[in-house]
C-alpha atoms as a PDB file:
ATOM      1  CA  MET A   1      45.872 -22.652 -47.346  1.00  0.00           C
ATOM      2  CA  LYS A   2      45.822 -24.036 -43.838  1.00  0.00           C
ATOM      3  CA  SER A   3      45.349 -20.591 -42.309  1.00  0.00           C
ATOM      4  CA  SER A   4      42.098 -19.998 -44.257  1.00  0.00           C
ATOM      5  CA  HIS A   5      40.856 -23.442 -43.195  1.00  0.00           C
ATOM      6  CA  LEU A   6      41.553 -22.590 -39.527  1.00  0.00           C
ATOM      7  CA  SER A   7      39.844 -19.232 -39.776  1.00  0.00           C
ATOM      8  CA  SER A   8      36.676 -20.751 -41.267  1.00  0.00           C
ATOM      9  CA  HIS A   9      36.858 -23.552 -38.701  1.00  0.00           C
ATOM     10  CA  TRP A  10      36.797 -21.008 -35.824  1.00  0.00           C
ATOM     11  CA  ARG A  11      34.359 -18.628 -37.459  1.00  0.00           C
ATOM     12  CA  THR A  12      31.174 -20.598 -36.646  1.00  0.00           C
ATOM     13  CA  PRO A  13      31.893 -21.206 -32.922  1.00  0.00           C
ATOM     14  CA  LEU A  14      33.106 -17.618 -32.522  1.00  0.00           C
ATOM     15  CA  LEU A  15      29.970 -16.256 -34.185  1.00  0.00           C
ATOM     16  CA  ALA A  16      27.775 -18.498 -32.012  1.00  0.00           C
ATOM     17  CA  ALA A  17      29.541 -17.265 -28.855  1.00  0.00           C
ATOM     18  CA  LEU A  18      29.068 -13.614 -29.879  1.00  0.00           C
ATOM     19  CA  VAL A  19      25.368 -14.176 -30.596  1.00  0.00           C
ATOM     20  CA  MET A  20      24.889 -15.825 -27.178  1.00  0.00           C
ATOM     21  CA  LEU A  21      26.716 -12.977 -25.457  1.00  0.00           C
ATOM     22  CA  GLY A  22      24.544 -10.424 -27.263  1.00  0.00           C
ATOM     23  CA  LEU A  23      21.328 -12.234 -26.376  1.00  0.00           C
ATOM     24  CA  THR A  24      22.347 -12.440 -22.720  1.00  0.00           C
ATOM     25  CA  ALA A  25      23.050  -8.708 -22.618  1.00  0.00           C
ATOM     26  CA  CYS A  26      19.724  -7.943 -24.307  1.00  0.00           C
ATOM     27  CA  ALA A  27      17.848 -10.116 -21.804  1.00  0.00           C
ATOM     28  CA  SER A  28      19.418  -8.257 -18.879  1.00  0.00           C
ATOM     29  CA  VAL A  29      18.621  -4.861 -20.363  1.00  0.00           C
ATOM     30  CA  ASN A  30      15.073  -5.900 -21.304  1.00  0.00           C
ATOM     31  CA  GLU A  31      14.397  -7.304 -17.823  1.00  0.00           C
ATOM     32  CA  SER A  32      15.425  -4.013 -16.193  1.00  0.00           C
ATOM     33  CA  LEU A  33      13.584  -1.979 -18.801  1.00  0.00           C
ATOM     34  CA  GLY A  34      10.521  -4.195 -18.401  1.00  0.00           C
ATOM     35  CA  ASP A  35      10.524  -3.690 -14.633  1.00  0.00           C
ATOM     36  CA  LEU A  36      10.826   0.055 -15.132  1.00  0.00           C
ATOM     37  CA  LEU A  37       8.073   0.194 -17.736  1.00  0.00           C
ATOM     38  CA  LEU A  38       5.782  -2.110 -15.770  1.00  0.00           C
ATOM     39  CA  SER A  39       6.174  -0.465 -12.365  1.00  0.00           C
ATOM     40  CA  SER A  40       3.047   1.098 -10.898  1.00  0.00           C
ATOM     41  CA  ASN A  41       2.356   3.435  -8.006  1.00  0.00           C
ATOM     42  CA  ALA A  42      -0.648   3.417  -5.714  1.00  0.00           C
ATOM     43  CA  ASP A  43      -1.508   6.065  -3.151  1.00  0.00           C
ATOM     44  CA  ALA A  44      -0.978   4.740   0.354  1.00  0.00           C
ATOM     45  CA  VAL A  45      -2.284   6.162   3.602  1.00  0.00           C
ATOM     46  CA  GLY A  46      -1.884   5.010   7.154  1.00  0.00           C
ATOM     47  CA  VAL A  47      -2.823   5.925  10.689  1.00  0.00           C
ATOM     48  CA  LEU A  48      -0.038   5.307  13.195  1.00  0.00           C
ATOM     49  CA  ASP A  49      -0.928   5.979  16.824  1.00  0.00           C
ATOM     50  CA  GLY A  50      -3.449   8.606  15.651  1.00  0.00           C
ATOM     51  CA  ARG A  51      -1.097  10.336  13.182  1.00  0.00           C
ATOM     52  CA  ILE A  52      -1.916  10.394   9.467  1.00  0.00           C
ATOM     53  CA  LEU A  53       0.865   9.192   7.149  1.00  0.00           C
ATOM     54  CA  ARG A  54       0.592   9.579   3.371  1.00  0.00           C
ATOM     55  CA  GLY A  55       2.731   8.229   0.585  1.00  0.00           C
ATOM     56  CA  LYS A  56       3.088   5.697  -2.185  1.00  0.00           C
ATOM     57  CA  ALA A  57       3.315   2.002  -2.748  1.00  0.00           C
ATOM     58  CA  ASN A  58       5.624   1.330  -5.687  1.00  0.00           C
ATOM     59  CA  PHE A  59       5.011  -2.030  -7.359  1.00  0.00           C
ATOM     60  CA  THR A  60       8.107  -2.918  -9.365  1.00  0.00           C
ATOM     61  CA  GLY A  61       7.354  -6.517 -10.218  1.00  0.00           C
ATOM     62  CA  GLU A  62       4.551  -9.006 -10.213  1.00  0.00           C
ATOM     63  CA  ARG A  63       4.829  -9.614  -6.461  1.00  0.00           C
ATOM     64  CA  GLU A  64       7.195  -6.878  -5.299  1.00  0.00           C
ATOM     65  CA  ALA A  65       6.383  -3.522  -3.723  1.00  0.00           C
ATOM     66  CA  THR A  66       7.978  -0.886  -1.532  1.00  0.00           C
ATOM     67  CA  PHE A  67       6.011   1.488   0.691  1.00  0.00           C
ATOM     68  CA  HIS A  68       7.029   5.053   1.642  1.00  0.00           C
ATOM     69  CA  LEU A  69       4.854   6.947   4.122  1.00  0.00           C
ATOM     70  CA  GLN A  70       5.361  10.361   5.738  1.00  0.00           C
ATOM     71  CA  SER A  71       3.466  12.598   8.142  1.00  0.00           C
ATOM     72  CA  SER A  72       2.660  16.184   7.244  1.00  0.00           C
ATOM     73  CA  ASP A  73       2.557  17.344  10.863  1.00  0.00           C
ATOM     74  CA  LEU A  74       5.485  17.989  13.192  1.00  0.00           C
ATOM     75  CA  PRO A  75       7.604  16.321  14.296  1.00  0.00           C
ATOM     76  CA  LYS A  76       8.002  14.680  10.896  1.00  0.00           C
ATOM     77  CA  LEU A  77       7.688  10.912  10.850  1.00  0.00           C
ATOM     78  CA  SER A  78       8.469   8.683   7.897  1.00  0.00           C
ATOM     79  CA  CYS A  79       8.220   4.930   7.488  1.00  0.00           C
ATOM     80  CA  PHE A  80       9.632   2.754   4.711  1.00  0.00           C
ATOM     81  CA  GLY A  81       9.223  -0.950   4.045  1.00  0.00           C
ATOM     82  CA  PRO A  82       9.124  -3.721   1.450  1.00  0.00           C
ATOM     83  CA  LEU A  83       6.068  -5.919   0.938  1.00  0.00           C
ATOM     84  CA  SER A  84       6.787  -9.656   1.050  1.00  0.00           C
ATOM     85  CA  TYR A  85       3.941 -11.883  -0.047  1.00  0.00           C
ATOM     86  CA  THR A  86       3.260 -14.875   2.201  1.00  0.00           C
ATOM     87  CA  ALA A  87       0.415 -16.334   0.128  1.00  0.00           C
ATOM     88  CA  THR A  88      -1.662 -15.408  -2.908  1.00  0.00           C
ATOM     89  CA  THR A  89      -3.530 -12.546  -1.242  1.00  0.00           C
ATOM     90  CA  THR A  90      -1.586 -11.917   1.974  1.00  0.00           C
ATOM     91  CA  GLY A  91       1.776 -10.474   2.844  1.00  0.00           C
ATOM     92  CA  LEU A  92       3.895  -8.649   5.388  1.00  0.00           C
ATOM     93  CA  ILE A  93       5.449  -5.184   5.335  1.00  0.00           C
ATOM     94  CA  ASN A  94       8.329  -4.656   7.733  1.00  0.00           C
ATOM     95  CA  PHE A  95       8.316  -0.885   8.205  1.00  0.00           C
ATOM     96  CA  SER A  96      11.364   0.969   9.516  1.00  0.00           C
ATOM     97  CA  CYS A  97      10.389   4.383  10.840  1.00  0.00           C
ATOM     98  CA  SER A  98      12.431   7.532  11.376  1.00  0.00           C
ATOM     99  CA  ASP A  99      11.691   7.441  15.122  1.00  0.00           C
ATOM    100  CA  GLY A 100      13.531   4.108  15.394  1.00  0.00           C
ATOM    101  CA  ARG A 101      10.500   1.821  15.464  1.00  0.00           C
ATOM    102  CA  SER A 102      10.104  -1.328  13.397  1.00  0.00           C
ATOM    103  CA  ILE A 103       6.471  -2.148  12.697  1.00  0.00           C
ATOM    104  CA  LEU A 104       5.278  -5.379  11.109  1.00  0.00           C
ATOM    105  CA  VAL A 105       2.037  -4.999   9.128  1.00  0.00           C
ATOM    106  CA  GLU A 106      -0.074  -7.916   7.898  1.00  0.00           C
ATOM    107  CA  VAL A 107      -1.482  -7.054   4.457  1.00  0.00           C
ATOM    108  CA  HIS A 108      -4.525  -8.425   2.643  1.00  0.00           C
ATOM    109  CA  THR A 109      -4.617  -7.622  -1.061  1.00  0.00           C
ATOM    110  CA  LEU A 110      -7.929  -6.767  -2.672  1.00  0.00           C
ATOM    111  CA  SER A 111      -6.493  -6.588  -6.189  1.00  0.00           C
ATOM    112  CA  GLN A 112      -3.044  -6.258  -7.745  1.00  0.00           C
ATOM    113  CA  LEU A 113      -2.701  -2.611  -6.647  1.00  0.00           C
ATOM    114  CA  THR A 114      -5.127  -2.328  -3.711  1.00  0.00           C
ATOM    115  CA  GLY A 115      -5.129  -3.657  -0.189  1.00  0.00           C
ATOM    116  CA  THR A 116      -5.398  -3.106   3.534  1.00  0.00           C
ATOM    117  CA  GLY A 117      -3.251  -3.938   6.503  1.00  0.00           C
ATOM    118  CA  ARG A 118      -2.904  -3.725  10.267  1.00  0.00           C
ATOM    119  CA  SER A 119       0.121  -4.001  12.489  1.00  0.00           C
ATOM    120  CA  ARG A 120       0.676  -6.773  14.935  1.00  0.00           C
ATOM    121  CA  PRO A 121       0.677  -5.739  18.587  1.00  0.00           C
ATOM    122  CA  GLY A 122       3.963  -4.231  19.666  1.00  0.00           C
ATOM    123  CA  ALA A 123       5.781  -1.190  18.340  1.00  0.00           C
ATOM    124  CA  GLY A 124       2.732   0.835  17.323  1.00  0.00           C
ATOM    125  CA  ALA A 125      -0.830   0.605  16.065  1.00  0.00           C
ATOM    126  CA  LEU A 126      -0.645   1.094  12.289  1.00  0.00           C
ATOM    127  CA  ALA A 127      -3.627   0.731   9.977  1.00  0.00           C
ATOM    128  CA  LEU A 128      -2.783   0.977   6.269  1.00  0.00           C
ATOM    129  CA  THR A 129      -4.556   1.089   2.921  1.00  0.00           C
ATOM    130  CA  TYR A 130      -3.243   1.451  -0.599  1.00  0.00           C
ATOM    131  CA  GLY A 131      -4.937   2.046  -3.916  1.00  0.00           C
ATOM    132  CA  LEU A 132      -8.316   2.775  -2.292  1.00  0.00           C
ATOM    133  CA  THR A 133     -10.458   5.891  -2.545  1.00  0.00           C
ATOM    134  CA  MET A 134     -10.176   8.214   0.450  1.00  0.00           C
ATOM    135  CA  GLU A 135     -13.722   7.278   1.506  1.00  0.00           C
ATOM    136  CA  LYS A 136     -12.967   3.536   1.550  1.00  0.00           C
ATOM    137  CA  ALA A 137      -9.590   4.105   3.213  1.00  0.00           C
ATOM    138  CA  ALA A 138     -11.182   6.265   5.909  1.00  0.00           C
ATOM    139  CA  ALA A 139     -13.900   3.690   6.564  1.00  0.00           C
ATOM    140  CA  TYR A 140     -11.315   0.898   6.943  1.00  0.00           C
ATOM    141  CA  MET A 141      -9.150   2.934   9.312  1.00  0.00           C
ATOM    142  CA  GLY A 142     -12.042   4.455  11.267  1.00  0.00           C
ATOM    143  CA  VAL A 143     -11.216   8.098  10.576  1.00  0.00           C
ATOM    144  CA  ALA A 144     -13.048  10.957   8.867  1.00  0.00           C
ATOM    145  CA  PRO A 145     -12.380  11.099   5.091  1.00  0.00           C
ATOM    146  CA  GLU A 146     -11.372  14.782   5.292  1.00  0.00           C
ATOM    147  CA  SER A 147      -8.570  13.857   7.710  1.00  0.00           C
ATOM    148  CA  LEU A 148      -6.906  11.877   4.904  1.00  0.00           C
ATOM    149  CA  THR A 149      -6.891  14.771   2.451  1.00  0.00           C
ATOM    150  CA  PRO A 150      -3.406  16.289   2.263  1.00  0.00           C
ATOM    151  CA  PRO A 151      -3.198  19.800   3.719  1.00  0.00           C
ATOM    152  CA  ARG A 152      -3.085  22.586   1.193  1.00  0.00           C
ATOM    153  CA  LYS A 153       0.201  24.340   0.848  1.00  0.00           C
ATOM    154  CA  ILE A 154      -0.012  28.033   1.576  1.00  0.00           C
ATOM    155  CA  THR A 155       1.805  30.090  -0.996  1.00  0.00           C
ATOM    156  CA  SER A 156       2.729  33.671  -0.443  1.00  0.00           C
ATOM    157  CA  MET A 157       1.401  36.202  -2.896  1.00  0.00           C
ATOM    158  CA  SER A 158       3.871  38.281  -4.794  1.00  0.00           C
ATOM    159  CA  ASN A 159       3.638  42.076  -4.744  1.00  0.00           C
ATOM    160  CA  GLU A 160       2.186  41.973  -8.269  1.00  0.00           C
ATOM    161  CA  GLU A 161      -0.718  39.720  -7.165  1.00  0.00           C
ATOM    162  CA  ARG A 162      -1.688  42.027  -4.256  1.00  0.00           C
END
C-alpha cells in the first residue's frame, strides 16, 4: 500500500518536470526554426577602390545581418562582415576581405532591408548599398547603372546547337 502512495506522490512532480523539459526543448527548436523561416536576403553591391563587388545581405534576426560581397573580375576579391546596429537607423559593418584588409563601414538604414554605407578613411574606400534598385545604388555610389549589372556568363554551344 505504501508503494502505491509513493508512486502517486512522485507522479505529479515528475510529470511537471517532464512538461517543463519538453517546453524548453520546443522553445529552442522554435527559436531556431523561427530565425530560419524569418531570414531575408537583400542584394548588396559595393564599390571598393573602383572595383564592383556584388553579393547578399542576409538578415537572420530583427537586428542581425551578415554581408557577403565578391568581385567578378580578376584577381578575385571577397569581403565578409556582420552588421552591428549602433542606434535605431545606424550601424557598423566590419568587413574582412580576402586581400587581408579590414574595412569598417558606417551604415544608414532606409528600411528594414535597405540601406547605404561608406567606409571610414583607412584601409580602402568602400561605398555600399543593399536592397536598392540598381539605379538608386548607382546614383548613391556615383557609378553608371550598367556597371552594377552582373556580367553575363558565356556558355559554350554543344555540337547539336551549332
